Amino acid sequence: MPRSVNNVASRERRKRTLELAKGYWGRGKNVWTVAKNKVEKGLAYAYRDRKAKKRDYRSLWISRINAGARLHGMSYSEFMGKVKASGIELNRKALADLAANHPAAFEAIVKKFK
């Protein structure tokens, strides 16, 4: 019995990978073996960095809250402890936005604790 190869599916699979490799430098965009490796690595980085982005933003928010709190003589941990104890339902993202863009509103929150 002759060997059966599904050339249509193989070609489609390669085509899909080469489409993802559009814009890559050198042979990474048109040589199958190089493009396959680059696309796999790129997708792995994308998956990893979707998680890392969340960590990066949280640390940015913490830095902004800390800077805003220190302008009013408090540390970040003091400030967040008092926020949680007072029952204020603002998350770090909202607090960081207030600290960076609306200093008067942030100052009003700090004055509640003093």
Protein backbone atom coordinates (compact mmCIF):
# COMPACT_ATOMS: atom_id res chain seq x y z
CA MET A 1 0.00 0.00 0.00
CA PRO A 2 1.49 3.36 -0.94
CA ARG A 3 2.38 5.87 1.74
CA SER A 4 -0.29 8.51 2.19
CA VAL A 5 0.71 12.09 2.84
CA ASN A 6 -1.80 14.81 3.40
CA ASN A 7 0.06 17.52 1.51
CA VAL A 8 -2.86 19.95 1.72
CA ALA A 9 -2.84 19.93 5.53
CA SER A 10 0.96 20.09 5.73
CA ARG A 11 1.09 23.07 3.40
CA GLU A 12 -1.68 24.82 5.34
CA ARG A 13 0.14 24.29 8.62
CA ARG A 14 3.39 25.70 7.23
CA LYS A 15 1.55 28.60 5.63
CA ARG A 16 -0.09 29.51 8.93
CA THR A 17 3.30 29.57 10.68
CA LEU A 18 4.91 31.62 7.90
CA GLU A 19 2.02 34.11 8.15
CA LEU A 20 2.84 34.55 11.84
CA ALA A 21 6.50 35.10 10.89
CA LYS A 22 5.73 38.07 8.63
CA GLY A 23 7.98 40.99 9.44
CA TYR A 24 10.74 38.91 11.03
CA TRP A 25 14.31 39.70 10.07
CA GLY A 26 16.38 37.68 7.60
CA ARG A 27 15.54 34.04 6.98
CA GLY A 28 13.14 34.09 9.91
CA LYS A 29 10.35 35.22 7.62
CA ASN A 30 10.62 32.78 4.72
CA VAL A 31 12.63 29.65 5.62
CA TRP A 32 10.36 27.09 7.24
CA THR A 33 12.73 25.67 9.88
CA VAL A 34 13.99 29.07 11.01
CA ALA A 35 10.51 30.62 10.96
CA LYS A 36 9.04 27.73 12.95
CA ASN A 37 11.60 28.16 15.73
CA LYS A 38 11.19 31.94 15.81
CA VAL A 39 7.40 31.78 15.89
CA GLU A 40 7.41 29.18 18.69
CA LYS A 41 9.83 31.29 20.72
CA GLY A 42 7.81 34.43 20.04
CA LEU A 43 4.57 32.81 21.17
CA ALA A 44 6.27 31.54 24.33
CA TYR A 45 7.53 35.06 25.09
CA ALA A 46 4.07 36.48 24.44
CA TYR A 47 2.49 34.02 26.88
CA ARG A 48 5.12 34.71 29.54
CA ASP A 49 4.93 38.47 29.16
CA ARG A 50 1.15 38.63 29.39
CA LYS A 51 1.68 37.42 32.97
CA ALA A 52 4.69 39.68 33.58
CA LYS A 53 2.74 42.75 32.42
CA LYS A 54 0.34 42.34 35.33
CA ARG A 55 3.28 42.25 37.78
CA ASP A 56 4.89 45.28 36.15
CA TYR A 57 1.73 47.37 36.39
CA ARG A 58 1.17 46.42 40.03
CA SER A 59 4.72 47.52 40.92
CA LEU A 60 4.17 50.79 39.02
CA TRP A 61 0.97 51.45 40.97
CA ILE A 62 2.73 50.73 44.25
CA SER A 63 5.54 53.16 43.35
CA ARG A 64 3.05 55.91 42.55
CA ILE A 65 1.05 55.36 45.73
CA ASN A 66 4.26 55.34 47.77
CA ALA A 67 5.40 58.63 46.20
CA GLY A 68 2.02 60.23 46.86
CA ALA A 69 1.88 58.98 50.44
CA ARG A 70 5.41 60.16 51.22
CA LEU A 71 4.48 63.69 50.13
CA HIS A 72 2.10 63.62 53.08
CA GLY A 73 4.50 62.04 55.56
CA MET A 74 3.40 58.40 55.34
CA SER A 75 5.00 55.26 54.01
CA TYR A 76 3.25 52.99 51.52
CA SER A 77 2.64 50.24 54.07
CA GLU A 78 1.21 52.69 56.62
CA PHE A 79 -1.06 54.19 53.99
CA MET A 80 -2.34 50.88 52.64
CA GLY A 81 -2.89 49.57 56.18
CA LYS A 82 -5.06 52.56 56.98
CA VAL A 83 -6.91 52.30 53.66
CA LYS A 84 -7.81 48.68 54.38
CA ALA A 85 -8.73 49.39 58.02
CA SER A 86 -11.00 52.31 57.10
CA GLY A 87 -12.88 50.20 54.57
CA ILE A 88 -12.11 52.36 51.53
CA GLU A 89 -12.93 50.22 48.49
CA LEU A 90 -10.31 51.64 46.11
CA ASN A 91 -7.81 49.28 44.53
CA ARG A 92 -4.16 50.10 43.84
CA LYS A 93 -4.86 51.05 40.24
CA ALA A 94 -7.41 53.70 41.27
CA LEU A 95 -5.25 54.99 44.13
CA ALA A 96 -2.24 55.29 41.82
CA ASP A 97 -4.32 57.25 39.31
CA LEU A 98 -5.44 59.62 42.07
CA ALA A 99 -1.87 60.03 43.33
CA ALA A 100 -0.49 60.79 39.86
CA ASN A 101 -3.30 62.78 38.21
CA HIS A 102 -5.54 64.12 40.99
CA PRO A 103 -3.33 65.12 43.93
CA ALA A 104 -6.13 67.02 45.69
CA ALA A 105 -8.35 63.93 45.79
CA PHE A 106 -5.43 61.81 47.01
CA GLU A 107 -4.69 64.39 49.72
CA ALA A 108 -8.33 64.19 50.86
CA ILE A 109 -7.95 60.43 51.32
CA VAL A 110 -4.72 60.91 53.29
CA LYS A 111 -6.31 63.57 55.52
CA LYS A 112 -8.98 61.05 56.56
CA PHE A 113 -6.25 59.13 58.39
CA LYS A 114 -4.47 62.03 60.07
